[in-house]
Amino acid sequence: MPIITIRIPEDLRKRMSRVKGINWSEVVRRAISDRIVIEERLKGKDWDVVRKAATETDELRMTLETKYGRCDYDSAETIRRWRDARVWREPS
């Protein structure tokens, strides 16, 4: 297996040494692997389609707010939880 070297601030190294039982190499491998999955997913995006979908979603939201009033429910937390679950899953 190839070896890479990374530099981290001294205070972070000290904090890492205080946490026992962590395989930091595995943590770094996992972080790199997860980032590659994210980048590969972003690479294939048609950003014009994404922008158009966002515009249409905003228009729909404004239409619904005009018709029914503003909703107090904030879906951001739910959306983030599901996105994180999808992003961090092992690739098939």
PDB file of N, CA and C in Angstrom:
ATOM      1  N   MET A   1       0.848  -1.169   0.000  1.00  0.00           N
ATOM      2  CA  MET A   1       0.000   0.000   0.000  1.00  0.00           C
ATOM      3  C   MET A   1       0.900   1.241   0.000  1.00  0.00           C
ATOM      4  N   PRO A   2       0.645   2.211  -0.885  1.00  0.00           N
ATOM      5  CA  PRO A   2       1.460   3.428  -0.906  1.00  0.00           C
ATOM      6  C   PRO A   2       1.325   4.226   0.394  1.00  0.00           C
ATOM      7  N   ILE A   3       2.338   5.000   0.690  1.00  0.00           N
ATOM      8  CA  ILE A   3       2.333   5.842   1.884  1.00  0.00           C
ATOM      9  C   ILE A   3       2.290   7.297   1.447  1.00  0.00           C
ATOM     10  N   ILE A   4       1.437   8.089   2.124  1.00  0.00           N
ATOM     11  CA  ILE A   4       1.413   9.531   1.893  1.00  0.00           C
ATOM     12  C   ILE A   4       1.705  10.227   3.211  1.00  0.00           C
ATOM     13  N   THR A   5       2.170  11.449   3.130  1.00  0.00           N
ATOM     14  CA  THR A   5       2.453  12.247   4.315  1.00  0.00           C
ATOM     15  C   THR A   5       1.557  13.466   4.296  1.00  0.00           C
ATOM     16  N   ILE A   6       0.969  13.770   5.448  1.00  0.00           N
ATOM     17  CA  ILE A   6       0.166  14.990   5.563  1.00  0.00           C
ATOM     18  C   ILE A   6       0.720  15.818   6.711  1.00  0.00           C
ATOM     19  N   ARG A   7       0.498  17.098   6.648  1.00  0.00           N
ATOM     20  CA  ARG A   7       0.923  17.995   7.721  1.00  0.00           C
ATOM     21  C   ARG A   7      -0.327  18.496   8.434  1.00  0.00           C
ATOM     22  N   ILE A   8      -0.267  18.480   9.755  1.00  0.00           N
ATOM     23  CA  ILE A   8      -1.368  18.994  10.566  1.00  0.00           C
ATOM     24  C   ILE A   8      -0.790  19.935  11.613  1.00  0.00           C
ATOM     25  N   PRO A   9      -1.584  20.869  12.102  1.00  0.00           N
ATOM     26  CA  PRO A   9      -1.088  21.773  13.139  1.00  0.00           C
ATOM     27  C   PRO A   9      -0.727  20.998  14.420  1.00  0.00           C
ATOM     28  N   GLU A  10       0.231  21.508  15.146  1.00  0.00           N
ATOM     29  CA  GLU A  10       0.704  20.851  16.364  1.00  0.00           C
ATOM     30  C   GLU A  10      -0.416  20.675  17.393  1.00  0.00           C
ATOM     31  N   ASP A  11      -1.284  21.673  17.526  1.00  0.00           N
ATOM     32  CA  ASP A  11      -2.358  21.548  18.513  1.00  0.00           C
ATOM     33  C   ASP A  11      -3.320  20.413  18.133  1.00  0.00           C
ATOM     34  N   LEU A  12      -3.538  20.212  16.843  1.00  0.00           N
ATOM     35  CA  LEU A  12      -4.392  19.113  16.405  1.00  0.00           C
ATOM     36  C   LEU A  12      -3.720  17.772  16.699  1.00  0.00           C
ATOM     37  N   ARG A  13      -2.429  17.672  16.465  1.00  0.00           N
ATOM     38  CA  ARG A  13      -1.701  16.439  16.770  1.00  0.00           C
ATOM     39  C   ARG A  13      -1.804  16.099  18.245  1.00  0.00           C
ATOM     40  N   LYS A  14      -1.685  17.105  19.103  1.00  0.00           N
ATOM     41  CA  LYS A  14      -1.798  16.876  20.550  1.00  0.00           C
ATOM     42  C   LYS A  14      -3.190  16.397  20.923  1.00  0.00           C
ATOM     43  N   ARG A  15      -4.193  17.002  20.329  1.00  0.00           N
ATOM     44  CA  ARG A  15      -5.571  16.581  20.604  1.00  0.00           C
ATOM     45  C   ARG A  15      -5.798  15.149  20.124  1.00  0.00           C
ATOM     46  N   MET A  16      -5.246  14.806  18.957  1.00  0.00           N
ATOM     47  CA  MET A  16      -5.376  13.442  18.436  1.00  0.00           C
ATOM     48  C   MET A  16      -4.723  12.438  19.387  1.00  0.00           C
ATOM     49  N   SER A  17      -3.577  12.784  19.950  1.00  0.00           N
ATOM     50  CA  SER A  17      -2.865  11.847  20.825  1.00  0.00           C
ATOM     51  C   SER A  17      -3.616  11.615  22.133  1.00  0.00           C
ATOM     52  N   ARG A  18      -4.481  12.544  22.513  1.00  0.00           N
ATOM     53  CA  ARG A  18      -5.271  12.368  23.734  1.00  0.00           C
ATOM     54  C   ARG A  18      -6.463  11.439  23.533  1.00  0.00           C
ATOM     55  N   VAL A  19      -6.840  11.204  22.273  1.00  0.00           N
ATOM     56  CA  VAL A  19      -7.964  10.315  21.982  1.00  0.00           C
ATOM     57  C   VAL A  19      -7.391   8.926  21.739  1.00  0.00           C
ATOM     58  N   LYS A  20      -7.720   8.002  22.617  1.00  0.00           N
ATOM     59  CA  LYS A  20      -7.150   6.653  22.540  1.00  0.00           C
ATOM     60  C   LYS A  20      -8.040   5.733  21.703  1.00  0.00           C
ATOM     61  N   GLY A  21      -7.407   4.760  21.076  1.00  0.00           N
ATOM     62  CA  GLY A  21      -8.128   3.717  20.367  1.00  0.00           C
ATOM     63  C   GLY A  21      -8.611   4.089  18.975  1.00  0.00           C
ATOM     64  N   ILE A  22      -8.128   5.192  18.437  1.00  0.00           N
ATOM     65  CA  ILE A  22      -8.533   5.620  17.098  1.00  0.00           C
ATOM     66  C   ILE A  22      -7.421   5.283  16.110  1.00  0.00           C
ATOM     67  N   ASN A  23      -7.775   4.633  15.029  1.00  0.00           N
ATOM     68  CA  ASN A  23      -6.824   4.356  13.955  1.00  0.00           C
ATOM     69  C   ASN A  23      -6.886   5.557  13.005  1.00  0.00           C
ATOM     70  N   TRP A  24      -6.008   6.521  13.222  1.00  0.00           N
ATOM     71  CA  TRP A  24      -6.067   7.768  12.460  1.00  0.00           C
ATOM     72  C   TRP A  24      -5.803   7.535  10.975  1.00  0.00           C
ATOM     73  N   SER A  25      -5.011   6.539  10.641  1.00  0.00           N
ATOM     74  CA  SER A  25      -4.799   6.226   9.226  1.00  0.00           C
ATOM     75  C   SER A  25      -6.116   5.821   8.574  1.00  0.00           C
ATOM     76  N   GLU A  26      -6.909   5.015   9.289  1.00  0.00           N
ATOM     77  CA  GLU A  26      -8.199   4.600   8.754  1.00  0.00           C
ATOM     78  C   GLU A  26      -9.148   5.795   8.635  1.00  0.00           C
ATOM     79  N   VAL A  27      -9.104   6.698   9.598  1.00  0.00           N
ATOM     80  CA  VAL A  27      -9.943   7.903   9.540  1.00  0.00           C
ATOM     81  C   VAL A  27      -9.598   8.716   8.295  1.00  0.00           C
ATOM     82  N   VAL A  28      -8.309   8.884   8.029  1.00  0.00           N
ATOM     83  CA  VAL A  28      -7.868   9.652   6.861  1.00  0.00           C
ATOM     84  C   VAL A  28      -8.244   8.924   5.568  1.00  0.00           C
ATOM     85  N   ARG A  29      -8.030   7.598   5.525  1.00  0.00           N
ATOM     86  CA  ARG A  29      -8.417   6.825   4.331  1.00  0.00           C
ATOM     87  C   ARG A  29      -9.904   6.987   4.052  1.00  0.00           C
ATOM     88  N   ARG A  30     -10.724   6.889   5.093  1.00  0.00           N
ATOM     89  CA  ARG A  30     -12.182   7.015   4.935  1.00  0.00           C
ATOM     90  C   ARG A  30     -12.541   8.420   4.438  1.00  0.00           C
ATOM     91  N   ALA A  31     -11.924   9.443   5.000  1.00  0.00           N
ATOM     92  CA  ALA A  31     -12.214  10.818   4.584  1.00  0.00           C
ATOM     93  C   ALA A  31     -11.852  11.032   3.116  1.00  0.00           C
ATOM     94  N   ILE A  32     -10.716  10.506   2.701  1.00  0.00           N
ATOM     95  CA  ILE A  32     -10.303  10.642   1.302  1.00  0.00           C
ATOM     96  C   ILE A  32     -11.278   9.901   0.393  1.00  0.00           C
ATOM     97  N   SER A  33     -11.622   8.683   0.776  1.00  0.00           N
ATOM     98  CA  SER A  33     -12.552   7.886  -0.027  1.00  0.00           C
ATOM     99  C   SER A  33     -13.909   8.583  -0.141  1.00  0.00           C
ATOM    100  N   ASP A  34     -14.405   9.103   0.974  1.00  0.00           N
ATOM    101  CA  ASP A  34     -15.697   9.805   0.965  1.00  0.00           C
ATOM    102  C   ASP A  34     -15.652  11.038   0.068  1.00  0.00           C
ATOM    103  N   ARG A  35     -14.535  11.756   0.119  1.00  0.00           N
ATOM    104  CA  ARG A  35     -14.406  12.952  -0.706  1.00  0.00           C
ATOM    105  C   ARG A  35     -14.374  12.603  -2.191  1.00  0.00           C
ATOM    106  N   ILE A  36     -13.729  11.521  -2.531  1.00  0.00           N
ATOM    107  CA  ILE A  36     -13.692  11.083  -3.928  1.00  0.00           C
ATOM    108  C   ILE A  36     -15.100  10.765  -4.419  1.00  0.00           C
ATOM    109  N   VAL A  37     -15.898  10.097  -3.590  1.00  0.00           N
ATOM    110  CA  VAL A  37     -17.285   9.795  -3.961  1.00  0.00           C
ATOM    111  C   VAL A  37     -18.046  11.084  -4.239  1.00  0.00           C
ATOM    112  N   ILE A  38     -17.890  12.074  -3.376  1.00  0.00           N
ATOM    113  CA  ILE A  38     -18.572  13.363  -3.557  1.00  0.00           C
ATOM    114  C   ILE A  38     -18.127  14.022  -4.856  1.00  0.00           C
ATOM    115  N   GLU A  39     -16.830  14.081  -5.090  1.00  0.00           N
ATOM    116  CA  GLU A  39     -16.310  14.727  -6.291  1.00  0.00           C
ATOM    117  C   GLU A  39     -16.767  14.012  -7.558  1.00  0.00           C
ATOM    118  N   GLU A  40     -16.804  12.680  -7.526  1.00  0.00           N
ATOM    119  CA  GLU A  40     -17.264  11.939  -8.696  1.00  0.00           C
ATOM    120  C   GLU A  40     -18.736  12.223  -8.986  1.00  0.00           C
ATOM    121  N   ARG A  41     -19.520  12.360  -7.932  1.00  0.00           N
ATOM    122  CA  ARG A  41     -20.941  12.682  -8.138  1.00  0.00           C
ATOM    123  C   ARG A  41     -21.112  14.093  -8.693  1.00  0.00           C
ATOM    124  N   LEU A  42     -20.301  15.028  -8.218  1.00  0.00           N
ATOM    125  CA  LEU A  42     -20.404  16.414  -8.694  1.00  0.00           C
ATOM    126  C   LEU A  42     -19.943  16.556 -10.134  1.00  0.00           C
ATOM    127  N   LYS A  43     -18.974  15.751 -10.532  1.00  0.00           N
ATOM    128  CA  LYS A  43     -18.396  15.856 -11.871  1.00  0.00           C
ATOM    129  C   LYS A  43     -19.435  15.629 -12.962  1.00  0.00           C
ATOM    130  N   GLY A  44     -20.364  14.709 -12.736  1.00  0.00           N
ATOM    131  CA  GLY A  44     -21.338  14.366 -13.756  1.00  0.00           C
ATOM    132  C   GLY A  44     -22.571  15.260 -13.789  1.00  0.00           C
ATOM    133  N   LYS A  45     -22.627  16.281 -12.948  1.00  0.00           N
ATOM    134  CA  LYS A  45     -23.814  17.130 -12.867  1.00  0.00           C
ATOM    135  C   LYS A  45     -23.889  18.103 -14.039  1.00  0.00           C
ATOM    136  N   ASP A  46     -25.094  18.272 -14.540  1.00  0.00           N
ATOM    137  CA  ASP A  46     -25.372  19.322 -15.526  1.00  0.00           C
ATOM    138  C   ASP A  46     -25.874  20.519 -14.725  1.00  0.00           C
ATOM    139  N   TRP A  47     -24.986  21.483 -14.481  1.00  0.00           N
ATOM    140  CA  TRP A  47     -25.306  22.577 -13.568  1.00  0.00           C
ATOM    141  C   TRP A  47     -26.407  23.483 -14.106  1.00  0.00           C
ATOM    142  N   ASP A  48     -26.624  23.532 -15.425  1.00  0.00           N
ATOM    143  CA  ASP A  48     -27.753  24.292 -15.954  1.00  0.00           C
ATOM    144  C   ASP A  48     -29.072  23.666 -15.527  1.00  0.00           C
ATOM    145  N   VAL A  49     -29.130  22.347 -15.532  1.00  0.00           N
ATOM    146  CA  VAL A  49     -30.334  21.636 -15.084  1.00  0.00           C
ATOM    147  C   VAL A  49     -30.540  21.853 -13.588  1.00  0.00           C
ATOM    148  N   VAL A  50     -29.467  21.822 -12.821  1.00  0.00           N
ATOM    149  CA  VAL A  50     -29.563  22.038 -11.373  1.00  0.00           C
ATOM    150  C   VAL A  50     -30.089  23.443 -11.080  1.00  0.00           C
ATOM    151  N   ARG A  51     -29.543  24.456 -11.780  1.00  0.00           N
ATOM    152  CA  ARG A  51     -30.007  25.839 -11.571  1.00  0.00           C
ATOM    153  C   ARG A  51     -31.480  25.994 -11.947  1.00  0.00           C
ATOM    154  N   LYS A  52     -31.887  25.370 -13.062  1.00  0.00           N
ATOM    155  CA  LYS A  52     -33.282  25.445 -13.493  1.00  0.00           C
ATOM    156  C   LYS A  52     -34.199  24.803 -12.447  1.00  0.00           C
ATOM    157  N   ALA A  53     -33.800  23.653 -11.909  1.00  0.00           N
ATOM    158  CA  ALA A  53     -34.598  22.982 -10.881  1.00  0.00           C
ATOM    159  C   ALA A  53     -34.701  23.842  -9.629  1.00  0.00           C
ATOM    160  N   ALA A  54     -33.611  24.492  -9.243  1.00  0.00           N
ATOM    161  CA  ALA A  54     -33.637  25.358  -8.063  1.00  0.00           C
ATOM    162  C   ALA A  54     -34.576  26.544  -8.283  1.00  0.00           C
ATOM    163  N   THR A  55     -34.540  27.134  -9.463  1.00  0.00           N
ATOM    164  CA  THR A  55     -35.428  28.251  -9.788  1.00  0.00           C
ATOM    165  C   THR A  55     -36.886  27.814  -9.739  1.00  0.00           C
ATOM    166  N   GLU A  56     -37.178  26.653 -10.325  1.00  0.00           N
ATOM    167  CA  GLU A  56     -38.549  26.150 -10.316  1.00  0.00           C
ATOM    168  C   GLU A  56     -39.029  25.836  -8.900  1.00  0.00           C
ATOM    169  N   THR A  57     -38.137  25.317  -8.074  1.00  0.00           N
ATOM    170  CA  THR A  57     -38.482  25.032  -6.679  1.00  0.00           C
ATOM    171  C   THR A  57     -38.790  26.321  -5.930  1.00  0.00           C
ATOM    172  N   ASP A  58     -37.975  27.352  -6.139  1.00  0.00           N
ATOM    173  CA  ASP A  58     -38.229  28.644  -5.496  1.00  0.00           C
ATOM    174  C   ASP A  58     -39.565  29.227  -5.943  1.00  0.00           C
ATOM    175  N   GLU A  59     -39.860  29.127  -7.230  1.00  0.00           N
ATOM    176  CA  GLU A  59     -41.132  29.634  -7.737  1.00  0.00           C
ATOM    177  C   GLU A  59     -42.315  28.883  -7.132  1.00  0.00           C
ATOM    178  N   LEU A  60     -42.194  27.579  -7.015  1.00  0.00           N
ATOM    179  CA  LEU A  60     -43.249  26.773  -6.412  1.00  0.00           C
ATOM    180  C   LEU A  60     -43.454  27.156  -4.951  1.00  0.00           C
ATOM    181  N   ARG A  61     -42.351  27.326  -4.225  1.00  0.00           N
ATOM    182  CA  ARG A  61     -42.448  27.727  -2.823  1.00  0.00           C
ATOM    183  C   ARG A  61     -43.163  29.062  -2.681  1.00  0.00           C
ATOM    184  N   MET A  62     -42.808  30.026  -3.520  1.00  0.00           N
ATOM    185  CA  MET A  62     -43.455  31.346  -3.458  1.00  0.00           C
ATOM    186  C   MET A  62     -44.939  31.249  -3.783  1.00  0.00           C
ATOM    187  N   THR A  63     -45.293  30.426  -4.754  1.00  0.00           N
ATOM    188  CA  THR A  63     -46.700  30.231  -5.116  1.00  0.00           C
ATOM    189  C   THR A  63     -47.478  29.651  -3.938  1.00  0.00           C
ATOM    190  N   LEU A  64     -46.913  28.639  -3.296  1.00  0.00           N
ATOM    191  CA  LEU A  64     -47.573  28.018  -2.157  1.00  0.00           C
ATOM    192  C   LEU A  64     -47.683  28.969  -0.965  1.00  0.00           C
ATOM    193  N   GLU A  65     -46.634  29.753  -0.721  1.00  0.00           N
ATOM    194  CA  GLU A  65     -46.691  30.726   0.367  1.00  0.00           C
ATOM    195  C   GLU A  65     -47.756  31.776   0.103  1.00  0.00           C
ATOM    196  N   THR A  66     -47.891  32.201  -1.146  1.00  0.00           N
ATOM    197  CA  THR A  66     -48.900  33.190  -1.503  1.00  0.00           C
ATOM    198  C   THR A  66     -50.303  32.623  -1.280  1.00  0.00           C
ATOM    199  N   LYS A  67     -50.481  31.377  -1.664  1.00  0.00           N
ATOM    200  CA  LYS A  67     -51.802  30.759  -1.569  1.00  0.00           C
ATOM    201  C   LYS A  67     -52.154  30.330  -0.142  1.00  0.00           C
ATOM    202  N   TYR A  68     -51.213  29.726   0.593  1.00  0.00           N
ATOM    203  CA  TYR A  68     -51.513  29.129   1.891  1.00  0.00           C
ATOM    204  C   TYR A  68     -50.837  29.815   3.082  1.00  0.00           C
ATOM    205  N   GLY A  69     -49.968  30.756   2.821  1.00  0.00           N
ATOM    206  CA  GLY A  69     -49.241  31.398   3.909  1.00  0.00           C
ATOM    207  C   GLY A  69     -47.940  30.664   4.201  1.00  0.00           C
ATOM    208  N   ARG A  70     -47.134  31.296   5.007  1.00  0.00           N
ATOM    209  CA  ARG A  70     -45.818  30.742   5.316  1.00  0.00           C
ATOM    210  C   ARG A  70     -45.947  29.580   6.293  1.00  0.00           C
ATOM    211  N   CYS A  71     -45.141  28.555   6.098  1.00  0.00           N
ATOM    212  CA  CYS A  71     -45.130  27.364   6.955  1.00  0.00           C
ATOM    213  C   CYS A  71     -43.958  27.478   7.929  1.00  0.00           C
ATOM    214  N   ASP A  72     -44.197  27.165   9.193  1.00  0.00           N
ATOM    215  CA  ASP A  72     -43.142  27.259  10.205  1.00  0.00           C
ATOM    216  C   ASP A  72     -42.171  26.070  10.172  1.00  0.00           C
ATOM    217  N   TYR A  73     -42.541  24.989   9.492  1.00  0.00           N
ATOM    218  CA  TYR A  73     -41.684  23.807   9.444  1.00  0.00           C
ATOM    219  C   TYR A  73     -40.439  24.098   8.620  1.00  0.00           C
ATOM    220  N   ASP A  74     -39.281  23.811   9.201  1.00  0.00           N
ATOM    221  CA  ASP A  74     -38.011  23.993   8.501  1.00  0.00           C
ATOM    222  C   ASP A  74     -37.482  22.615   8.110  1.00  0.00           C
ATOM    223  N   SER A  75     -37.498  22.329   6.842  1.00  0.00           N
ATOM    224  CA  SER A  75     -37.109  21.003   6.365  1.00  0.00           C
ATOM    225  C   SER A  75     -35.597  20.843   6.200  1.00  0.00           C
ATOM    226  N   ALA A  76     -34.829  21.888   6.446  1.00  0.00           N
ATOM    227  CA  ALA A  76     -33.379  21.829   6.198  1.00  0.00           C
ATOM    228  C   ALA A  76     -32.710  20.699   6.974  1.00  0.00           C
ATOM    229  N   GLU A  77     -33.098  20.498   8.229  1.00  0.00           N
ATOM    230  CA  GLU A  77     -32.476  19.453   9.032  1.00  0.00           C
ATOM    231  C   GLU A  77     -32.778  18.064   8.454  1.00  0.00           C
ATOM    232  N   THR A  78     -34.018  17.848   8.054  1.00  0.00           N
ATOM    233  CA  THR A  78     -34.401  16.562   7.468  1.00  0.00           C
ATOM    234  C   THR A  78     -33.673  16.330   6.151  1.00  0.00           C
ATOM    235  N   ILE A  79     -33.607  17.348   5.308  1.00  0.00           N
ATOM    236  CA  ILE A  79     -32.914  17.230   4.023  1.00  0.00           C
ATOM    237  C   ILE A  79     -31.443  16.914   4.241  1.00  0.00           C
ATOM    238  N   ARG A  80     -30.804  17.625   5.169  1.00  0.00           N
ATOM    239  CA  ARG A  80     -29.381  17.410   5.439  1.00  0.00           C
ATOM    240  C   ARG A  80     -29.148  15.980   5.922  1.00  0.00           C
ATOM    241  N   ARG A  81     -30.008  15.471   6.824  1.00  0.00           N
ATOM    242  CA  ARG A  81     -29.845  14.123   7.347  1.00  0.00           C
ATOM    243  C   ARG A  81     -29.900  13.091   6.211  1.00  0.00           C
ATOM    244  N   TRP A  82     -30.865  13.238   5.305  1.00  0.00           N
ATOM    245  CA  TRP A  82     -30.993  12.287   4.201  1.00  0.00           C
ATOM    246  C   TRP A  82     -29.857  12.426   3.195  1.00  0.00           C
ATOM    247  N   ARG A  83     -29.410  13.654   2.939  1.00  0.00           N
ATOM    248  CA  ARG A  83     -28.273  13.833   2.025  1.00  0.00           C
ATOM    249  C   ARG A  83     -27.017  13.209   2.596  1.00  0.00           C
ATOM    250  N   ASP A  84     -26.786  13.431   3.901  1.00  0.00           N
ATOM    251  CA  ASP A  84     -25.607  12.840   4.532  1.00  0.00           C
ATOM    252  C   ASP A  84     -25.660  11.320   4.484  1.00  0.00           C
ATOM    253  N   ALA A  85     -26.826  10.762   4.697  1.00  0.00           N
ATOM    254  CA  ALA A  85     -26.972   9.304   4.643  1.00  0.00           C
ATOM    255  C   ALA A  85     -26.662   8.779   3.242  1.00  0.00           C
ATOM    256  N   ARG A  86     -27.069   9.522   2.230  1.00  0.00           N
ATOM    257  CA  ARG A  86     -26.831   9.101   0.861  1.00  0.00           C
ATOM    258  C   ARG A  86     -25.358   9.253   0.479  1.00  0.00           C
ATOM    259  N   VAL A  87     -24.729  10.322   0.878  1.00  0.00           N
ATOM    260  CA  VAL A  87     -23.342  10.610   0.492  1.00  0.00           C
ATOM    261  C   VAL A  87     -22.374   9.647   1.168  1.00  0.00           C
ATOM    262  N   TRP A  88     -22.594   9.299   2.426  1.00  0.00           N
ATOM    263  CA  TRP A  88     -21.608   8.539   3.171  1.00  0.00           C
ATOM    264  C   TRP A  88     -21.775   7.035   3.011  1.00  0.00           C
ATOM    265  N   ARG A  89     -22.764   6.581   2.272  1.00  0.00           N
ATOM    266  CA  ARG A  89     -22.925   5.145   2.043  1.00  0.00           C
ATOM    267  C   ARG A  89     -21.790   4.619   1.189  1.00  0.00           C
ATOM    268  N   GLU A  90     -21.419   3.380   1.417  1.00  0.00           N
ATOM    269  CA  GLU A  90     -20.393   2.748   0.593  1.00  0.00           C
ATOM    270  C   GLU A  90     -20.869   2.675  -0.853  1.00  0.00           C
ATOM    271  N   PRO A  91     -20.023   2.968  -1.815  1.00  0.00           N
ATOM    272  CA  PRO A  91     -20.413   2.840  -3.223  1.00  0.00           C
ATOM    273  C   PRO A  91     -20.721   1.380  -3.561  1.00  0.00           C
ATOM    274  N   SER A  92     -21.686   1.191  -4.448  1.00  0.00           N
ATOM    275  CA  SER A  92     -22.066  -0.175  -4.842  1.00  0.00           C
ATOM    276  C   SER A  92     -21.062  -0.777  -5.779  1.00  0.00           C
TER     277      SER A  92
END
